[in-house]
Amino acid sequence: MAPVITEVIAVTYGQDYELKTFINCMKAQSCDHWNLRVIHDGPNDQLMSHLQEQAYIEFGPSKDFKNVTFECTKERKNDWGHSSREYALENPIFHSDYTILTNADNYYVPYLINELEESAIKYDSPDLMYWDFVSNHARNINFDRLDAYGFCESELEFSKIDMGSAAVKTSLAKKVGFESKRNEADWDYFEKCLSYIDNEDGSVLKIPKILLVHN
């Protein structure tokens, strides 16, 4: 059986420590069937060289599953990384079955990719899989908790799911694209995905596990 490949597209701006921790989370995955594409909002040759010198990144895609690439946009858009997400979906460099759009200061548990692969196989490749997370943002009125790093139970509703807490079939993600540039563009993306899924009798799977640390 062919492996289920997940591509993680992570946007960033001026981060160093958080980005390194994020990359280490991916390199620590118990399953190798993933690719990570980091896109920096605007030029930053210094950060790029620094990450390359410390063996956090390589330039350009390789034939290996376990692959991390880093690229900078030609100019800074300053739109929460939405233009970078749009660019990545329109200009793929990897083959993948699923795509996760996230920020490069989020962290994932080491069995994320393995969980996605097992779930995709067991439940006949759902069009969208989503999961719970913890968040360092305290007193978020959209979730029933007050403390930083409290439990957030994801739901497919506005402000009840984070961009990084869902994997969408890559074919669907490319079809939907990422045109919205408003602050709430993550929900615009999910809402459009759900519309396609409903129209095409697709399927959605909730994985009732905490797989993401949202920062």
N, C-alpha and C. Protein backbone atom coordinates (compact mmCIF):
# COMPACT_ATOMS: atom_id res chain seq x y z
N MET A 1 0.84 -1.20 0.00
CA MET A 1 0.00 0.00 0.00
C MET A 1 0.88 1.25 0.00
N ALA A 2 0.55 2.19 -0.86
CA ALA A 2 1.34 3.42 -0.94
C ALA A 2 1.15 4.24 0.33
N PRO A 3 2.19 4.92 0.77
CA PRO A 3 2.06 5.76 1.97
C PRO A 3 1.16 6.95 1.72
N VAL A 4 0.57 7.46 2.76
CA VAL A 4 -0.24 8.67 2.70
C VAL A 4 0.67 9.84 3.05
N ILE A 5 0.91 10.72 2.09
CA ILE A 5 1.86 11.81 2.27
C ILE A 5 1.13 13.09 2.68
N THR A 6 1.62 13.72 3.72
CA THR A 6 1.07 15.00 4.18
C THR A 6 2.09 16.10 3.96
N GLU A 7 1.67 17.19 3.34
CA GLU A 7 2.51 18.37 3.21
C GLU A 7 2.06 19.41 4.22
N VAL A 8 3.02 19.93 4.97
CA VAL A 8 2.74 20.99 5.93
C VAL A 8 3.29 22.29 5.35
N ILE A 9 2.42 23.25 5.11
CA ILE A 9 2.81 24.56 4.61
C ILE A 9 2.74 25.53 5.77
N ALA A 10 3.91 26.04 6.18
CA ALA A 10 3.98 26.91 7.36
C ALA A 10 4.49 28.28 6.97
N VAL A 11 3.75 29.31 7.35
CA VAL A 11 4.17 30.68 7.05
C VAL A 11 4.83 31.28 8.28
N THR A 12 5.77 32.21 8.05
CA THR A 12 6.52 32.78 9.15
C THR A 12 6.98 34.18 8.79
N TYR A 13 7.34 34.94 9.81
CA TYR A 13 7.96 36.24 9.59
C TYR A 13 8.90 36.55 10.75
N GLY A 14 10.19 36.64 10.47
CA GLY A 14 11.18 37.07 11.43
C GLY A 14 11.38 36.17 12.63
N GLN A 15 10.87 34.94 12.57
CA GLN A 15 11.01 34.04 13.71
C GLN A 15 12.29 33.23 13.61
N ASP A 16 12.86 32.92 14.74
CA ASP A 16 14.07 32.11 14.78
C ASP A 16 13.85 30.93 15.72
N TYR A 17 13.78 31.21 17.02
CA TYR A 17 13.63 30.14 18.01
C TYR A 17 12.35 29.35 17.77
N GLU A 18 11.22 30.05 17.58
CA GLU A 18 9.95 29.35 17.39
C GLU A 18 9.99 28.49 16.13
N LEU A 19 10.60 29.02 15.07
CA LEU A 19 10.68 28.28 13.82
C LEU A 19 11.55 27.03 13.98
N LYS A 20 12.65 27.16 14.70
CA LYS A 20 13.51 25.99 14.93
C LYS A 20 12.76 24.91 15.71
N THR A 21 12.02 25.34 16.73
CA THR A 21 11.25 24.38 17.52
C THR A 21 10.20 23.70 16.65
N PHE A 22 9.55 24.48 15.80
CA PHE A 22 8.54 23.93 14.89
C PHE A 22 9.17 22.89 13.96
N ILE A 23 10.31 23.21 13.37
CA ILE A 23 10.99 22.27 12.47
C ILE A 23 11.39 21.01 13.23
N ASN A 24 11.87 21.18 14.46
CA ASN A 24 12.24 20.01 15.27
C ASN A 24 11.03 19.13 15.56
N CYS A 25 9.85 19.74 15.73
CA CYS A 25 8.63 18.95 15.93
C CYS A 25 8.35 18.06 14.72
N MET A 26 8.59 18.59 13.54
CA MET A 26 8.36 17.80 12.34
C MET A 26 9.43 16.73 12.18
N LYS A 27 10.67 17.08 12.45
CA LYS A 27 11.75 16.09 12.32
C LYS A 27 11.61 14.96 13.34
N ALA A 28 10.87 15.22 14.43
CA ALA A 28 10.68 14.21 15.47
C ALA A 28 9.48 13.31 15.19
N GLN A 29 8.81 13.49 14.06
CA GLN A 29 7.63 12.69 13.75
C GLN A 29 7.97 11.20 13.69
N SER A 30 7.07 10.38 14.20
CA SER A 30 7.29 8.93 14.23
C SER A 30 7.10 8.29 12.87
N CYS A 31 6.54 9.05 11.93
CA CYS A 31 6.32 8.56 10.57
C CYS A 31 6.98 9.52 9.59
N ASP A 32 7.68 9.01 8.59
CA ASP A 32 8.45 9.84 7.67
C ASP A 32 7.66 10.35 6.46
N HIS A 33 6.39 10.09 6.40
CA HIS A 33 5.64 10.40 5.18
C HIS A 33 5.12 11.84 5.18
N TRP A 34 6.03 12.78 5.19
CA TRP A 34 5.65 14.19 5.23
C TRP A 34 6.69 15.04 4.53
N ASN A 35 6.26 16.23 4.13
CA ASN A 35 7.15 17.28 3.64
C ASN A 35 6.75 18.58 4.32
N LEU A 36 7.73 19.39 4.62
CA LEU A 36 7.48 20.69 5.26
C LEU A 36 7.99 21.80 4.35
N ARG A 37 7.12 22.73 4.05
CA ARG A 37 7.46 23.88 3.22
C ARG A 37 7.26 25.15 4.05
N VAL A 38 8.35 25.80 4.39
CA VAL A 38 8.29 27.03 5.19
C VAL A 38 8.43 28.22 4.24
N ILE A 39 7.50 29.18 4.36
CA ILE A 39 7.52 30.36 3.51
C ILE A 39 7.60 31.61 4.38
N HIS A 40 8.67 32.36 4.22
CA HIS A 40 8.87 33.59 4.99
C HIS A 40 8.26 34.77 4.23
N ASP A 41 7.54 35.62 4.94
CA ASP A 41 6.88 36.77 4.33
C ASP A 41 7.90 37.89 4.09
N GLY A 42 8.44 37.91 2.89
CA GLY A 42 9.44 38.91 2.53
C GLY A 42 10.86 38.36 2.61
N PRO A 43 11.83 39.03 1.98
CA PRO A 43 13.21 38.57 1.97
C PRO A 43 13.83 38.55 3.35
N ASN A 44 14.63 37.52 3.63
CA ASN A 44 15.39 37.45 4.88
C ASN A 44 16.55 36.49 4.66
N ASP A 45 17.55 36.96 3.94
CA ASP A 45 18.70 36.12 3.62
C ASP A 45 19.46 35.69 4.86
N GLN A 46 19.50 36.55 5.87
CA GLN A 46 20.23 36.24 7.09
C GLN A 46 19.62 35.04 7.81
N LEU A 47 18.30 35.04 7.95
CA LEU A 47 17.63 33.91 8.59
C LEU A 47 17.80 32.65 7.76
N MET A 48 17.67 32.76 6.45
CA MET A 48 17.81 31.61 5.57
C MET A 48 19.20 30.99 5.71
N SER A 49 20.23 31.80 5.69
CA SER A 49 21.61 31.30 5.81
C SER A 49 21.84 30.69 7.18
N HIS A 50 21.28 31.32 8.21
CA HIS A 50 21.43 30.83 9.57
C HIS A 50 20.81 29.44 9.71
N LEU A 51 19.61 29.26 9.18
CA LEU A 51 18.94 27.97 9.28
C LEU A 51 19.67 26.90 8.48
N GLN A 52 20.21 27.28 7.34
CA GLN A 52 20.95 26.33 6.52
C GLN A 52 22.25 25.91 7.21
N GLU A 53 22.96 26.85 7.79
CA GLU A 53 24.21 26.55 8.48
C GLU A 53 24.00 25.58 9.64
N GLN A 54 22.86 25.70 10.30
CA GLN A 54 22.57 24.84 11.44
C GLN A 54 21.78 23.59 11.05
N ALA A 55 21.70 23.33 9.74
CA ALA A 55 21.11 22.10 9.20
C ALA A 55 19.61 21.97 9.52
N TYR A 56 18.92 23.11 9.63
CA TYR A 56 17.48 23.06 9.81
C TYR A 56 16.75 22.98 8.47
N ILE A 57 17.36 23.47 7.41
CA ILE A 57 16.69 23.50 6.12
C ILE A 57 17.64 23.07 5.01
N GLU A 58 17.05 22.78 3.86
CA GLU A 58 17.80 22.57 2.63
C GLU A 58 17.07 23.35 1.55
N PHE A 59 17.73 23.60 0.46
CA PHE A 59 17.11 24.41 -0.58
C PHE A 59 16.61 23.53 -1.71
N GLY A 60 15.34 23.72 -2.04
CA GLY A 60 14.74 22.95 -3.12
C GLY A 60 14.27 21.60 -2.65
N PRO A 61 13.26 21.02 -3.31
CA PRO A 61 12.73 19.71 -2.92
C PRO A 61 13.69 18.59 -3.28
N SER A 62 13.62 17.51 -2.53
CA SER A 62 14.43 16.32 -2.83
C SER A 62 13.48 15.14 -3.04
N LYS A 63 14.03 13.99 -3.27
CA LYS A 63 13.24 12.79 -3.48
C LYS A 63 12.85 12.14 -2.16
N ASP A 64 13.39 12.63 -1.06
CA ASP A 64 13.11 12.03 0.23
C ASP A 64 11.76 12.50 0.77
N PHE A 65 11.11 11.62 1.52
CA PHE A 65 9.88 12.02 2.19
C PHE A 65 10.20 13.06 3.27
N LYS A 66 11.23 12.77 4.05
CA LYS A 66 11.56 13.63 5.18
C LYS A 66 12.34 14.82 4.66
N ASN A 67 11.64 15.88 4.34
CA ASN A 67 12.24 16.99 3.62
C ASN A 67 11.70 18.31 4.13
N VAL A 68 12.60 19.25 4.36
CA VAL A 68 12.22 20.58 4.80
C VAL A 68 12.79 21.59 3.82
N THR A 69 11.94 22.45 3.29
CA THR A 69 12.42 23.52 2.42
C THR A 69 12.01 24.87 2.99
N PHE A 70 12.79 25.88 2.65
CA PHE A 70 12.56 27.23 3.14
C PHE A 70 12.67 28.19 1.97
N GLU A 71 11.72 29.11 1.87
CA GLU A 71 11.78 30.09 0.80
C GLU A 71 11.22 31.42 1.30
N CYS A 72 11.62 32.49 0.66
CA CYS A 72 11.15 33.83 1.00
C CYS A 72 10.36 34.40 -0.18
N THR A 73 9.29 35.11 0.13
CA THR A 73 8.58 35.82 -0.93
C THR A 73 9.42 37.03 -1.37
N LYS A 74 9.17 37.51 -2.55
CA LYS A 74 9.96 38.62 -3.09
C LYS A 74 9.73 39.92 -2.32
N GLU A 75 8.53 40.07 -1.77
CA GLU A 75 8.22 41.27 -1.00
C GLU A 75 7.29 40.92 0.15
N ARG A 76 7.32 41.75 1.19
CA ARG A 76 6.48 41.49 2.35
C ARG A 76 5.05 41.93 2.08
N LYS A 77 4.11 41.03 2.36
CA LYS A 77 2.69 41.33 2.17
C LYS A 77 2.01 41.78 3.47
N ASN A 78 2.50 41.29 4.59
CA ASN A 78 1.97 41.68 5.90
C ASN A 78 0.46 41.45 5.98
N ASP A 79 0.02 40.25 5.58
CA ASP A 79 -1.41 39.93 5.61
C ASP A 79 -1.65 38.60 6.32
N TRP A 80 -0.96 38.43 7.44
CA TRP A 80 -1.07 37.23 8.27
C TRP A 80 -0.62 35.96 7.54
N GLY A 81 0.17 36.10 6.49
CA GLY A 81 0.66 34.95 5.76
C GLY A 81 -0.30 34.40 4.73
N HIS A 82 -1.44 35.08 4.52
CA HIS A 82 -2.45 34.55 3.61
C HIS A 82 -1.96 34.51 2.16
N SER A 83 -1.23 35.54 1.73
CA SER A 83 -0.70 35.54 0.36
C SER A 83 0.28 34.39 0.15
N SER A 84 1.04 34.08 1.19
CA SER A 84 1.99 32.97 1.09
C SER A 84 1.26 31.64 0.98
N ARG A 85 0.17 31.50 1.69
CA ARG A 85 -0.64 30.28 1.58
C ARG A 85 -1.23 30.15 0.17
N GLU A 86 -1.72 31.25 -0.34
CA GLU A 86 -2.28 31.25 -1.69
C GLU A 86 -1.22 30.85 -2.71
N TYR A 87 -0.03 31.43 -2.56
CA TYR A 87 1.07 31.12 -3.48
C TYR A 87 1.46 29.65 -3.41
N ALA A 88 1.54 29.11 -2.20
CA ALA A 88 1.96 27.72 -2.04
C ALA A 88 0.96 26.75 -2.67
N LEU A 89 -0.32 27.03 -2.53
CA LEU A 89 -1.33 26.15 -3.13
C LEU A 89 -1.33 26.24 -4.65
N GLU A 90 -1.03 27.42 -5.17
CA GLU A 90 -1.02 27.60 -6.63
C GLU A 90 0.28 27.13 -7.26
N ASN A 91 1.35 27.01 -6.47
CA ASN A 91 2.67 26.65 -7.00
C ASN A 91 3.28 25.52 -6.17
N PRO A 92 2.72 24.31 -6.28
CA PRO A 92 3.21 23.19 -5.47
C PRO A 92 4.61 22.75 -5.91
N ILE A 93 5.37 22.26 -4.96
CA ILE A 93 6.69 21.69 -5.27
C ILE A 93 6.79 20.23 -4.84
N PHE A 94 5.78 19.74 -4.12
CA PHE A 94 5.77 18.35 -3.66
C PHE A 94 4.50 17.65 -4.15
N HIS A 95 4.56 16.33 -4.19
CA HIS A 95 3.34 15.54 -4.29
C HIS A 95 2.87 15.24 -2.87
N SER A 96 1.59 15.38 -2.62
CA SER A 96 1.05 15.03 -1.31
C SER A 96 -0.40 14.63 -1.45
N ASP A 97 -0.87 13.86 -0.47
CA ASP A 97 -2.27 13.46 -0.42
C ASP A 97 -3.09 14.44 0.42
N TYR A 98 -2.48 14.96 1.47
CA TYR A 98 -3.14 15.92 2.36
C TYR A 98 -2.25 17.14 2.57
N THR A 99 -2.90 18.26 2.87
CA THR A 99 -2.18 19.51 3.11
C THR A 99 -2.66 20.13 4.42
N ILE A 100 -1.70 20.54 5.24
CA ILE A 100 -1.97 21.31 6.45
C ILE A 100 -1.42 22.71 6.26
N LEU A 101 -2.24 23.71 6.46
CA LEU A 101 -1.81 25.10 6.44
C LEU A 101 -1.68 25.56 7.89
N THR A 102 -0.53 26.12 8.25
CA THR A 102 -0.32 26.48 9.64
C THR A 102 0.66 27.64 9.75
N ASN A 103 0.92 28.06 10.97
CA ASN A 103 1.94 29.07 11.25
C ASN A 103 3.16 28.39 11.85
N ALA A 104 4.33 28.95 11.59
CA ALA A 104 5.57 28.30 12.00
C ALA A 104 5.94 28.53 13.46
N ASP A 105 5.01 29.05 14.25
CA ASP A 105 5.25 29.10 15.69
C ASP A 105 4.35 28.12 16.43
N ASN A 106 3.63 27.29 15.67
CA ASN A 106 2.83 26.22 16.27
C ASN A 106 3.66 24.96 16.41
N TYR A 107 3.27 24.10 17.32
CA TYR A 107 4.00 22.86 17.54
C TYR A 107 3.05 21.67 17.41
N TYR A 108 3.57 20.55 16.90
CA TYR A 108 2.77 19.34 16.72
C TYR A 108 3.35 18.18 17.52
N VAL A 109 2.46 17.29 17.95
CA VAL A 109 2.90 16.10 18.67
C VAL A 109 3.63 15.18 17.70
N PRO A 110 4.54 14.33 18.19
CA PRO A 110 5.37 13.52 17.28
C PRO A 110 4.63 12.42 16.54
N TYR A 111 3.38 12.13 16.90
CA TYR A 111 2.63 11.10 16.19
C TYR A 111 1.56 11.70 15.27
N LEU A 112 1.65 13.00 14.99
CA LEU A 112 0.66 13.64 14.12
C LEU A 112 0.54 12.94 12.77
N ILE A 113 1.64 12.83 12.05
CA ILE A 113 1.61 12.29 10.69
C ILE A 113 1.16 10.84 10.69
N ASN A 114 1.62 10.08 11.66
CA ASN A 114 1.20 8.68 11.76
C ASN A 114 -0.30 8.58 12.02
N GLU A 115 -0.82 9.46 12.86
CA GLU A 115 -2.25 9.47 13.16
C GLU A 115 -3.07 9.80 11.91
N LEU A 116 -2.60 10.75 11.13
CA LEU A 116 -3.30 11.12 9.90
C LEU A 116 -3.28 9.98 8.90
N GLU A 117 -2.15 9.33 8.76
CA GLU A 117 -2.05 8.23 7.81
C GLU A 117 -2.97 7.07 8.22
N GLU A 118 -2.94 6.70 9.49
CA GLU A 118 -3.79 5.60 9.96
C GLU A 118 -5.27 5.95 9.80
N SER A 119 -5.62 7.18 10.10
CA SER A 119 -7.02 7.60 9.98
C SER A 119 -7.48 7.62 8.53
N ALA A 120 -6.61 8.09 7.63
CA ALA A 120 -6.95 8.13 6.22
C ALA A 120 -7.19 6.73 5.67
N ILE A 121 -6.37 5.79 6.09
CA ILE A 121 -6.52 4.40 5.62
C ILE A 121 -7.77 3.76 6.23
N LYS A 122 -7.97 3.96 7.52
CA LYS A 122 -9.09 3.32 8.21
C LYS A 122 -10.44 3.86 7.77
N TYR A 123 -10.50 5.15 7.49
CA TYR A 123 -11.79 5.77 7.19
C TYR A 123 -11.92 6.18 5.72
N ASP A 124 -11.21 5.51 4.85
CA ASP A 124 -11.37 5.67 3.40
C ASP A 124 -11.13 7.10 2.93
N SER A 125 -10.02 7.67 3.35
CA SER A 125 -9.53 8.96 2.86
C SER A 125 -10.56 10.08 2.96
N PRO A 126 -10.88 10.52 4.18
CA PRO A 126 -11.80 11.66 4.33
C PRO A 126 -11.26 12.90 3.62
N ASP A 127 -12.15 13.75 3.17
CA ASP A 127 -11.72 14.97 2.48
C ASP A 127 -11.09 15.97 3.45
N LEU A 128 -11.53 15.94 4.69
CA LEU A 128 -11.00 16.85 5.70
C LEU A 128 -10.94 16.12 7.03
N MET A 129 -9.79 16.21 7.70
CA MET A 129 -9.63 15.65 9.03
C MET A 129 -9.22 16.78 9.96
N TYR A 130 -9.85 16.84 11.13
CA TYR A 130 -9.49 17.90 12.08
C TYR A 130 -9.39 17.33 13.49
N TRP A 131 -8.75 18.09 14.38
CA TRP A 131 -8.42 17.57 15.69
C TRP A 131 -8.42 18.69 16.73
N ASP A 132 -8.34 18.29 17.99
CA ASP A 132 -8.33 19.25 19.09
C ASP A 132 -6.91 19.78 19.31
N PHE A 133 -6.82 20.83 20.13
CA PHE A 133 -5.52 21.44 20.39
C PHE A 133 -5.53 22.15 21.74
N VAL A 134 -4.35 22.56 22.17
CA VAL A 134 -4.23 23.46 23.32
C VAL A 134 -3.66 24.77 22.80
N SER A 135 -3.99 25.86 23.49
CA SER A 135 -3.55 27.18 23.02
C SER A 135 -3.00 27.98 24.18
N ASN A 136 -1.96 28.77 23.90
CA ASN A 136 -1.38 29.60 24.96
C ASN A 136 -2.17 30.89 25.15
N HIS A 137 -3.19 31.13 24.33
CA HIS A 137 -3.99 32.34 24.46
C HIS A 137 -5.05 32.14 25.54
N ALA A 138 -4.88 32.81 26.67
CA ALA A 138 -5.79 32.66 27.78
C ALA A 138 -7.07 33.46 27.54
N ARG A 139 -8.13 33.05 28.22
CA ARG A 139 -9.42 33.75 28.20
C ARG A 139 -9.99 33.92 26.80
N ASN A 140 -9.82 32.90 25.99
CA ASN A 140 -10.44 32.91 24.67
C ASN A 140 -11.92 32.60 24.83
N ILE A 141 -12.77 33.55 24.49
CA ILE A 141 -14.20 33.39 24.75
C ILE A 141 -14.84 32.30 23.89
N ASN A 142 -14.12 31.85 22.87
CA ASN A 142 -14.70 30.85 21.98
C ASN A 142 -14.53 29.43 22.49
N PHE A 143 -13.76 29.26 23.56
CA PHE A 143 -13.54 27.94 24.12
C PHE A 143 -13.80 27.98 25.62
N ASP A 144 -14.22 26.86 26.16
CA ASP A 144 -14.61 26.79 27.56
C ASP A 144 -13.39 26.55 28.45
N ARG A 145 -12.55 27.55 28.55
CA ARG A 145 -11.41 27.49 29.46
C ARG A 145 -10.83 28.89 29.61
N LEU A 146 -10.07 29.10 30.69
CA LEU A 146 -9.54 30.41 31.00
C LEU A 146 -8.02 30.48 30.99
N ASP A 147 -7.36 29.35 31.20
CA ASP A 147 -5.92 29.36 31.38
C ASP A 147 -5.16 29.20 30.07
N ALA A 148 -3.94 29.75 30.05
CA ALA A 148 -3.05 29.53 28.92
C ALA A 148 -2.77 28.04 28.78
N TYR A 149 -2.65 27.59 27.54
CA TYR A 149 -2.46 26.18 27.21
C TYR A 149 -3.61 25.33 27.74
N GLY A 150 -4.79 25.91 27.68
CA GLY A 150 -5.99 25.16 28.03
C GLY A 150 -6.50 24.38 26.83
N PHE A 151 -7.39 23.46 27.10
CA PHE A 151 -7.94 22.57 26.08
C PHE A 151 -8.90 23.31 25.16
N CYS A 152 -8.75 23.13 23.85
CA CYS A 152 -9.65 23.71 22.86
C CYS A 152 -10.24 22.58 22.03
N GLU A 153 -11.53 22.37 22.20
CA GLU A 153 -12.22 21.32 21.44
C GLU A 153 -12.68 21.89 20.10
N SER A 154 -12.05 21.43 19.04
CA SER A 154 -12.35 21.97 17.71
C SER A 154 -13.75 21.59 17.26
N GLU A 155 -14.38 22.54 16.59
CA GLU A 155 -15.66 22.31 15.93
C GLU A 155 -15.62 23.02 14.59
N LEU A 156 -16.38 22.53 13.64
CA LEU A 156 -16.39 23.13 12.31
C LEU A 156 -17.34 24.32 12.29
N GLU A 157 -16.93 25.33 13.07
CA GLU A 157 -17.69 26.57 13.18
C GLU A 157 -16.71 27.74 13.22
N PHE A 158 -17.21 28.91 12.90
CA PHE A 158 -16.38 30.11 12.93
C PHE A 158 -15.79 30.31 14.33
N SER A 159 -14.47 30.54 14.38
CA SER A 159 -13.72 30.78 15.61
C SER A 159 -13.66 29.58 16.54
N LYS A 160 -14.03 28.40 16.07
CA LYS A 160 -13.95 27.20 16.89
C LYS A 160 -12.97 26.18 16.34
N ILE A 161 -12.19 26.58 15.36
CA ILE A 161 -11.17 25.71 14.78
C ILE A 161 -10.00 26.58 14.35
N ASP A 162 -8.80 26.07 14.54
CA ASP A 162 -7.61 26.83 14.15
C ASP A 162 -7.11 26.35 12.79
N MET A 163 -6.48 27.26 12.06
CA MET A 163 -5.94 26.92 10.75
C MET A 163 -5.09 25.65 10.80
N GLY A 164 -4.28 25.52 11.85
CA GLY A 164 -3.34 24.40 11.92
C GLY A 164 -3.92 23.13 12.49
N SER A 165 -5.21 23.10 12.77
CA SER A 165 -5.80 21.90 13.37
C SER A 165 -6.65 21.11 12.39
N ALA A 166 -6.29 21.16 11.11
CA ALA A 166 -7.02 20.38 10.10
C ALA A 166 -6.12 20.05 8.93
N ALA A 167 -6.35 18.89 8.35
CA ALA A 167 -5.66 18.47 7.12
C ALA A 167 -6.72 18.28 6.04
N VAL A 168 -6.50 18.88 4.90
CA VAL A 168 -7.45 18.82 3.79
C VAL A 168 -6.81 18.05 2.63
N LYS A 169 -7.58 17.24 1.95
CA LYS A 169 -7.05 16.57 0.77
C LYS A 169 -6.42 17.62 -0.15
N THR A 170 -5.23 17.34 -0.60
CA THR A 170 -4.49 18.32 -1.39
C THR A 170 -5.25 18.71 -2.65
N SER A 171 -5.89 17.75 -3.28
CA SER A 171 -6.67 18.07 -4.49
C SER A 171 -7.78 19.07 -4.19
N LEU A 172 -8.41 18.94 -3.03
CA LEU A 172 -9.45 19.87 -2.62
C LEU A 172 -8.86 21.22 -2.23
N ALA A 173 -7.74 21.21 -1.49
CA ALA A 173 -7.10 22.46 -1.08
C ALA A 173 -6.71 23.29 -2.30
N LYS A 174 -6.18 22.65 -3.33
CA LYS A 174 -5.80 23.36 -4.55
C LYS A 174 -7.03 23.92 -5.26
N LYS A 175 -8.12 23.16 -5.25
CA LYS A 175 -9.35 23.61 -5.89
C LYS A 175 -9.93 24.83 -5.17
N VAL A 176 -9.88 24.80 -3.84
CA VAL A 176 -10.43 25.89 -3.03
C VAL A 176 -9.53 27.12 -3.10
N GLY A 177 -8.21 26.90 -3.02
CA GLY A 177 -7.28 28.02 -3.03
C GLY A 177 -7.36 28.81 -1.74
N PHE A 178 -6.73 29.98 -1.73
CA PHE A 178 -6.73 30.82 -0.53
C PHE A 178 -6.81 32.28 -0.96
N GLU A 179 -7.98 32.67 -1.43
CA GLU A 179 -8.15 34.00 -1.99
C GLU A 179 -8.38 35.07 -0.92
N SER A 180 -9.05 34.71 0.16
CA SER A 180 -9.39 35.70 1.18
C SER A 180 -8.13 36.22 1.87
N LYS A 181 -8.12 37.51 2.17
CA LYS A 181 -6.97 38.11 2.84
C LYS A 181 -7.37 38.79 4.15
N ARG A 182 -8.61 38.62 4.58
CA ARG A 182 -9.01 39.23 5.84
C ARG A 182 -8.48 38.40 7.01
N ASN A 183 -8.54 38.95 8.21
CA ASN A 183 -8.00 38.27 9.38
C ASN A 183 -8.62 36.89 9.57
N GLU A 184 -9.91 36.78 9.26
CA GLU A 184 -10.62 35.51 9.45
C GLU A 184 -10.55 34.61 8.21
N ALA A 185 -9.53 34.77 7.41
CA ALA A 185 -9.43 34.01 6.15
C ALA A 185 -9.34 32.51 6.38
N ASP A 186 -8.88 32.10 7.56
CA ASP A 186 -8.82 30.66 7.81
C ASP A 186 -10.22 30.04 7.77
N TRP A 187 -11.21 30.73 8.35
CA TRP A 187 -12.56 30.19 8.29
C TRP A 187 -13.14 30.28 6.88
N ASP A 188 -12.80 31.32 6.14
CA ASP A 188 -13.24 31.41 4.75
C ASP A 188 -12.77 30.18 3.98
N TYR A 189 -11.54 29.76 4.24
CA TYR A 189 -10.95 28.58 3.59
C TYR A 189 -11.72 27.32 3.98
N PHE A 190 -11.92 27.12 5.29
CA PHE A 190 -12.62 25.92 5.74
C PHE A 190 -14.07 25.90 5.25
N GLU A 191 -14.71 27.05 5.28
CA GLU A 191 -16.11 27.12 4.85
C GLU A 191 -16.24 26.73 3.38
N LYS A 192 -15.31 27.18 2.58
CA LYS A 192 -15.33 26.84 1.16
C LYS A 192 -15.03 25.35 0.96
N CYS A 193 -14.10 24.81 1.75
CA CYS A 193 -13.81 23.37 1.70
C CYS A 193 -15.07 22.57 2.01
N LEU A 194 -15.78 22.97 3.07
CA LEU A 194 -16.99 22.24 3.49
C LEU A 194 -18.08 22.33 2.44
N SER A 195 -18.15 23.46 1.74
CA SER A 195 -19.14 23.61 0.68
C SER A 195 -18.88 22.61 -0.45
N TYR A 196 -17.61 22.49 -0.85
CA TYR A 196 -17.26 21.51 -1.87
C TYR A 196 -17.55 20.09 -1.40
N ILE A 197 -17.21 19.81 -0.15
CA ILE A 197 -17.43 18.46 0.39
C ILE A 197 -18.92 18.12 0.40
N ASP A 198 -19.76 19.07 0.81
CA ASP A 198 -21.21 18.83 0.82
C ASP A 198 -21.75 18.61 -0.59
N ASN A 199 -21.28 19.42 -1.52
CA ASN A 199 -21.78 19.32 -2.90
C ASN A 199 -21.35 18.03 -3.58
N GLU A 200 -20.22 17.50 -3.17
CA GLU A 200 -19.67 16.31 -3.82
C GLU A 200 -19.82 15.06 -2.96
N ASP A 201 -20.66 15.14 -1.93
CA ASP A 201 -20.91 14.00 -1.04
C ASP A 201 -19.60 13.45 -0.47
N GLY A 202 -18.73 14.36 -0.06
CA GLY A 202 -17.47 13.96 0.55
C GLY A 202 -17.64 13.66 2.03
N SER A 203 -16.54 13.49 2.70
CA SER A 203 -16.61 13.10 4.11
C SER A 203 -15.64 13.92 4.96
N VAL A 204 -16.00 14.05 6.23
CA VAL A 204 -15.20 14.78 7.21
C VAL A 204 -14.99 13.87 8.41
N LEU A 205 -13.79 13.91 8.98
CA LEU A 205 -13.47 13.08 10.14
C LEU A 205 -12.93 13.93 11.27
N LYS A 206 -13.52 13.81 12.45
CA LYS A 206 -12.97 14.45 13.66
C LYS A 206 -12.10 13.43 14.37
N ILE A 207 -10.83 13.78 14.59
CA ILE A 207 -9.92 12.94 15.37
C ILE A 207 -9.93 13.50 16.80
N PRO A 208 -10.52 12.80 17.75
CA PRO A 208 -10.68 13.35 19.10
C PRO A 208 -9.42 13.25 19.95
N LYS A 209 -8.37 13.86 19.44
CA LYS A 209 -7.09 13.86 20.15
C LYS A 209 -6.45 15.24 20.05
N ILE A 210 -5.63 15.58 21.01
CA ILE A 210 -4.88 16.83 20.96
C ILE A 210 -3.61 16.58 20.16
N LEU A 211 -3.51 17.20 18.97
CA LEU A 211 -2.37 16.98 18.11
C LEU A 211 -1.57 18.27 17.86
N LEU A 212 -2.07 19.41 18.37
CA LEU A 212 -1.47 20.70 18.08
C LEU A 212 -1.32 21.52 19.36
N VAL A 213 -0.20 22.24 19.45
CA VAL A 213 -0.01 23.29 20.45
C VAL A 213 -0.02 24.60 19.70
N HIS A 214 -1.04 25.41 19.94
CA HIS A 214 -1.20 26.68 19.23
C HIS A 214 -0.58 27.81 20.04
N ASN A 215 0.34 28.55 19.39
CA ASN A 215 1.02 29.66 20.07
C ASN A 215 0.58 31.00 19.48
